[in-house]
N, C-alpha and C. Protein backbone atom coordinates (compact mmCIF):
# COMPACT_ATOMS: atom_id res chain seq x y z
N MET A 1 9.71 2.22 1.71
CA MET A 1 9.02 2.05 0.46
C MET A 1 7.63 1.52 0.76
N PRO A 2 6.61 2.30 0.53
CA PRO A 2 5.27 1.76 0.77
C PRO A 2 4.77 0.94 -0.41
N TYR A 3 4.24 -0.21 -0.11
CA TYR A 3 3.56 -1.01 -1.12
C TYR A 3 2.11 -0.56 -1.14
N LEU A 4 1.44 -0.71 -2.27
CA LEU A 4 0.05 -0.29 -2.31
C LEU A 4 -0.83 -1.16 -1.42
N PHE A 5 -0.67 -2.46 -1.48
CA PHE A 5 -1.59 -3.32 -0.74
C PHE A 5 -0.90 -4.30 0.20
N HIS A 6 0.29 -4.76 -0.12
CA HIS A 6 0.98 -5.71 0.74
C HIS A 6 1.41 -5.01 2.03
N ASN A 7 1.13 -5.61 3.16
CA ASN A 7 1.49 -5.00 4.43
C ASN A 7 2.20 -6.01 5.32
N PRO A 8 3.53 -6.02 5.30
CA PRO A 8 4.26 -6.96 6.16
C PRO A 8 4.16 -6.60 7.64
N PHE A 9 3.61 -5.42 7.96
CA PHE A 9 3.47 -5.00 9.35
C PHE A 9 2.01 -5.01 9.80
N LYS A 10 1.18 -5.83 9.17
CA LYS A 10 -0.25 -5.88 9.52
C LYS A 10 -0.43 -6.12 11.01
N ASP A 11 -1.23 -5.27 11.64
CA ASP A 11 -1.53 -5.33 13.07
C ASP A 11 -0.30 -5.07 13.95
N ARG A 12 0.73 -4.44 13.38
CA ARG A 12 1.94 -4.11 14.14
C ARG A 12 2.23 -2.62 14.03
N THR A 13 1.21 -1.79 14.22
CA THR A 13 1.38 -0.35 14.05
C THR A 13 2.39 0.23 15.04
N ASP A 14 2.53 -0.37 16.22
CA ASP A 14 3.52 0.11 17.18
C ASP A 14 4.93 -0.06 16.62
N ASP A 15 5.17 -1.16 15.91
CA ASP A 15 6.48 -1.39 15.30
C ASP A 15 6.78 -0.33 14.24
N VAL A 16 5.77 -0.04 13.40
CA VAL A 16 5.95 0.97 12.34
C VAL A 16 6.22 2.33 12.97
N ALA A 17 5.47 2.68 14.00
CA ALA A 17 5.67 3.97 14.67
C ALA A 17 7.06 4.06 15.29
N ALA A 18 7.51 2.99 15.93
CA ALA A 18 8.83 2.99 16.56
C ALA A 18 9.93 3.12 15.50
N MET A 19 9.78 2.43 14.38
CA MET A 19 10.77 2.53 13.31
C MET A 19 10.79 3.94 12.72
N ALA A 20 9.61 4.53 12.54
CA ALA A 20 9.53 5.89 12.00
C ALA A 20 10.21 6.87 12.94
N LEU A 21 9.95 6.76 14.22
CA LEU A 21 10.56 7.66 15.21
C LEU A 21 12.07 7.49 15.26
N ALA A 22 12.55 6.28 15.01
CA ALA A 22 13.99 6.01 15.03
C ALA A 22 14.65 6.39 13.70
N GLY A 23 13.84 6.79 12.71
CA GLY A 23 14.40 7.18 11.42
C GLY A 23 14.81 6.01 10.56
N GLU A 24 14.31 4.83 10.86
CA GLU A 24 14.68 3.64 10.10
C GLU A 24 13.89 3.56 8.78
N ARG A 25 14.44 2.81 7.83
CA ARG A 25 13.75 2.56 6.57
C ARG A 25 12.62 1.59 6.85
N ILE A 26 11.44 1.87 6.28
CA ILE A 26 10.27 1.02 6.49
C ILE A 26 9.74 0.61 5.12
N ALA A 27 9.56 -0.68 4.91
CA ALA A 27 8.97 -1.19 3.68
C ALA A 27 7.62 -1.80 4.04
N THR A 28 6.58 -1.11 3.70
CA THR A 28 5.22 -1.56 4.03
C THR A 28 4.25 -0.94 3.04
N ASN A 29 2.96 -1.09 3.27
CA ASN A 29 1.99 -0.49 2.35
C ASN A 29 1.64 0.93 2.79
N GLY A 30 1.06 1.68 1.87
CA GLY A 30 0.74 3.07 2.14
C GLY A 30 -0.25 3.26 3.27
N ALA A 31 -1.17 2.33 3.47
CA ALA A 31 -2.16 2.47 4.54
C ALA A 31 -1.50 2.47 5.91
N SER A 32 -0.39 1.76 6.05
CA SER A 32 0.33 1.74 7.33
C SER A 32 0.94 3.10 7.65
N PHE A 33 1.12 3.92 6.62
CA PHE A 33 1.74 5.22 6.80
C PHE A 33 0.71 6.30 7.11
N LYS A 34 -0.55 5.96 7.17
CA LYS A 34 -1.59 6.96 7.39
C LYS A 34 -1.26 7.77 8.63
N GLY A 35 -1.19 9.07 8.46
CA GLY A 35 -0.89 9.96 9.57
C GLY A 35 0.58 10.13 9.84
N MET A 36 1.45 9.43 9.10
CA MET A 36 2.90 9.57 9.29
C MET A 36 3.54 10.04 8.00
N GLU A 37 4.64 10.72 8.13
CA GLU A 37 5.40 11.16 6.96
C GLU A 37 6.82 10.65 7.07
N ARG A 38 7.49 10.60 5.92
CA ARG A 38 8.89 10.21 5.87
C ARG A 38 9.59 11.24 4.98
N PRO A 39 10.87 11.49 5.21
CA PRO A 39 11.58 12.44 4.35
C PRO A 39 11.58 11.99 2.88
N VAL A 40 11.78 10.69 2.67
CA VAL A 40 11.86 10.14 1.31
C VAL A 40 10.93 8.94 1.22
N VAL A 41 10.16 8.89 0.14
CA VAL A 41 9.30 7.74 -0.12
C VAL A 41 9.57 7.26 -1.54
N VAL A 42 9.80 5.96 -1.67
CA VAL A 42 9.91 5.31 -2.99
C VAL A 42 8.64 4.47 -3.13
N LEU A 43 7.83 4.83 -4.10
CA LEU A 43 6.55 4.15 -4.31
C LEU A 43 6.64 3.28 -5.54
N GLY A 44 6.58 1.97 -5.34
CA GLY A 44 6.62 1.02 -6.45
C GLY A 44 5.20 0.65 -6.85
N LEU A 45 4.86 0.94 -8.10
CA LEU A 45 3.52 0.63 -8.61
C LEU A 45 3.57 -0.67 -9.39
N ASP A 46 2.82 -1.65 -8.93
CA ASP A 46 2.72 -2.92 -9.62
C ASP A 46 1.24 -3.10 -9.95
N LEU A 47 0.78 -2.38 -10.97
CA LEU A 47 -0.63 -2.35 -11.31
C LEU A 47 -0.95 -3.42 -12.35
N ASP A 48 -1.87 -4.30 -12.01
CA ASP A 48 -2.29 -5.36 -12.91
C ASP A 48 -3.35 -4.79 -13.86
N PRO A 49 -3.04 -4.66 -15.15
CA PRO A 49 -3.99 -4.07 -16.09
C PRO A 49 -5.26 -4.87 -16.30
N THR A 50 -5.32 -6.10 -15.78
CA THR A 50 -6.54 -6.90 -15.91
C THR A 50 -7.48 -6.72 -14.72
N LYS A 51 -7.06 -5.95 -13.73
CA LYS A 51 -7.89 -5.76 -12.52
C LYS A 51 -8.24 -4.30 -12.31
N THR A 52 -8.76 -3.68 -13.34
CA THR A 52 -9.08 -2.25 -13.26
C THR A 52 -10.41 -1.98 -12.58
N ASP A 53 -11.04 -3.00 -12.01
CA ASP A 53 -12.31 -2.80 -11.30
C ASP A 53 -12.08 -2.14 -9.94
N ARG A 54 -10.85 -1.95 -9.54
CA ARG A 54 -10.54 -1.36 -8.23
C ARG A 54 -9.93 0.04 -8.39
N ILE A 55 -10.33 0.76 -9.42
CA ILE A 55 -9.70 2.03 -9.75
C ILE A 55 -9.72 3.00 -8.57
N GLU A 56 -10.85 3.19 -7.94
CA GLU A 56 -10.92 4.17 -6.85
C GLU A 56 -10.08 3.74 -5.65
N GLU A 57 -10.07 2.47 -5.36
CA GLU A 57 -9.24 1.96 -4.25
C GLU A 57 -7.76 2.18 -4.55
N VAL A 58 -7.37 1.89 -5.78
CA VAL A 58 -5.98 2.08 -6.18
C VAL A 58 -5.63 3.57 -6.17
N ARG A 59 -6.52 4.41 -6.66
CA ARG A 59 -6.29 5.86 -6.68
C ARG A 59 -6.05 6.38 -5.26
N ARG A 60 -6.89 5.96 -4.31
CA ARG A 60 -6.72 6.39 -2.91
C ARG A 60 -5.41 5.88 -2.32
N ALA A 61 -5.06 4.64 -2.65
CA ALA A 61 -3.82 4.06 -2.12
C ALA A 61 -2.60 4.81 -2.65
N ILE A 62 -2.60 5.14 -3.94
CA ILE A 62 -1.49 5.90 -4.52
C ILE A 62 -1.40 7.27 -3.86
N TYR A 63 -2.53 7.94 -3.72
CA TYR A 63 -2.54 9.27 -3.10
C TYR A 63 -2.01 9.21 -1.67
N THR A 64 -2.51 8.26 -0.90
CA THR A 64 -2.07 8.14 0.50
C THR A 64 -0.57 7.90 0.58
N ALA A 65 -0.07 6.97 -0.22
CA ALA A 65 1.37 6.66 -0.17
C ALA A 65 2.20 7.85 -0.65
N ALA A 66 1.77 8.49 -1.73
CA ALA A 66 2.55 9.59 -2.31
C ALA A 66 2.60 10.80 -1.39
N THR A 67 1.54 11.05 -0.64
CA THR A 67 1.52 12.24 0.21
C THR A 67 2.25 12.03 1.53
N ARG A 68 2.86 10.89 1.73
CA ARG A 68 3.66 10.65 2.94
C ARG A 68 5.07 11.24 2.81
N ALA A 69 5.48 11.57 1.59
CA ALA A 69 6.83 12.08 1.36
C ALA A 69 6.92 13.56 1.74
N ARG A 70 7.85 13.88 2.64
CA ARG A 70 8.05 15.27 3.04
C ARG A 70 8.89 16.05 2.03
N SER A 71 9.98 15.44 1.54
CA SER A 71 10.86 16.22 0.68
C SER A 71 11.17 15.55 -0.66
N HIS A 72 11.02 14.23 -0.76
CA HIS A 72 11.34 13.58 -2.03
C HIS A 72 10.46 12.36 -2.24
N LEU A 73 9.84 12.30 -3.43
CA LEU A 73 9.01 11.16 -3.82
C LEU A 73 9.55 10.60 -5.13
N THR A 74 9.82 9.31 -5.15
CA THR A 74 10.20 8.62 -6.38
C THR A 74 9.12 7.58 -6.65
N VAL A 75 8.59 7.62 -7.87
CA VAL A 75 7.56 6.66 -8.27
C VAL A 75 8.14 5.79 -9.38
N VAL A 76 8.05 4.49 -9.18
CA VAL A 76 8.58 3.52 -10.13
C VAL A 76 7.42 2.63 -10.56
N GLY A 77 7.28 2.45 -11.87
CA GLY A 77 6.21 1.57 -12.33
C GLY A 77 6.12 1.56 -13.85
N ASP A 78 5.30 0.66 -14.34
CA ASP A 78 5.08 0.49 -15.77
C ASP A 78 4.05 1.53 -16.24
N PRO A 79 4.42 2.40 -17.17
CA PRO A 79 3.47 3.39 -17.67
C PRO A 79 2.22 2.77 -18.27
N ASP A 80 2.36 1.61 -18.91
CA ASP A 80 1.20 0.96 -19.51
C ASP A 80 0.21 0.49 -18.44
N GLY A 81 0.71 0.05 -17.30
CA GLY A 81 -0.17 -0.33 -16.20
C GLY A 81 -0.96 0.86 -15.69
N ALA A 82 -0.29 2.00 -15.54
CA ALA A 82 -0.97 3.22 -15.09
C ALA A 82 -2.01 3.66 -16.12
N ALA A 83 -1.67 3.56 -17.39
CA ALA A 83 -2.60 3.95 -18.45
C ALA A 83 -3.84 3.06 -18.47
N ALA A 84 -3.67 1.76 -18.21
CA ALA A 84 -4.79 0.83 -18.19
C ALA A 84 -5.82 1.21 -17.13
N TYR A 85 -5.37 1.84 -16.05
CA TYR A 85 -6.27 2.30 -14.99
C TYR A 85 -6.85 3.67 -15.29
N GLY A 86 -6.42 4.28 -16.39
CA GLY A 86 -6.91 5.61 -16.73
C GLY A 86 -6.12 6.72 -16.05
N PHE A 87 -4.97 6.37 -15.48
CA PHE A 87 -4.11 7.37 -14.83
C PHE A 87 -3.17 7.94 -15.88
N ASP A 88 -3.75 8.67 -16.83
CA ASP A 88 -3.00 9.14 -17.99
C ASP A 88 -1.85 10.09 -17.62
N GLU A 89 -2.10 11.00 -16.70
CA GLU A 89 -1.06 11.95 -16.31
C GLU A 89 0.12 11.22 -15.64
N LEU A 90 -0.20 10.26 -14.79
CA LEU A 90 0.84 9.46 -14.15
C LEU A 90 1.61 8.64 -15.18
N ALA A 91 0.89 8.05 -16.14
CA ALA A 91 1.54 7.26 -17.19
C ALA A 91 2.50 8.13 -18.00
N GLU A 92 2.07 9.34 -18.34
CA GLU A 92 2.94 10.24 -19.10
C GLU A 92 4.16 10.65 -18.28
N ALA A 93 3.97 10.89 -16.99
CA ALA A 93 5.10 11.24 -16.13
C ALA A 93 6.09 10.09 -16.05
N LEU A 94 5.59 8.87 -15.96
CA LEU A 94 6.47 7.70 -15.92
C LEU A 94 7.20 7.52 -17.25
N ARG A 95 6.51 7.77 -18.34
CA ARG A 95 7.15 7.67 -19.65
C ARG A 95 8.22 8.75 -19.82
N GLY A 96 7.92 9.95 -19.33
CA GLY A 96 8.87 11.06 -19.41
C GLY A 96 10.11 10.79 -18.59
N ALA A 97 9.94 10.15 -17.45
CA ALA A 97 11.08 9.84 -16.58
C ALA A 97 12.00 8.83 -17.27
N VAL A 98 11.42 7.94 -18.04
CA VAL A 98 12.23 6.92 -18.73
C VAL A 98 13.01 7.59 -19.87
N ALA A 99 12.38 8.55 -20.53
CA ALA A 99 13.01 9.20 -21.68
C ALA A 99 14.16 10.11 -21.28
N GLU A 100 14.15 10.60 -20.05
CA GLU A 100 15.17 11.57 -19.64
C GLU A 100 16.49 10.95 -19.38
């Protein structure tokens, strides 16, 4: 599960690479996954609607984390948080997932 910004493996890229090669579950931020893919990625969005001054940084982080999934991506988050950042399509997708 990649976190957008929290990185429990900071400066431990060898550990992340070894875990990925071993097929282990890795819980870290999306930036740690740069250049690596996983069969399944669960992306938890914890977007603070009062800190929308980082929209482009958040957009890049979401894109990086989401594109690490080879076959299955699950996105979990508050639709209102996504909407506050102007991610209207993502907010609607999250709302639709709740309704189903």
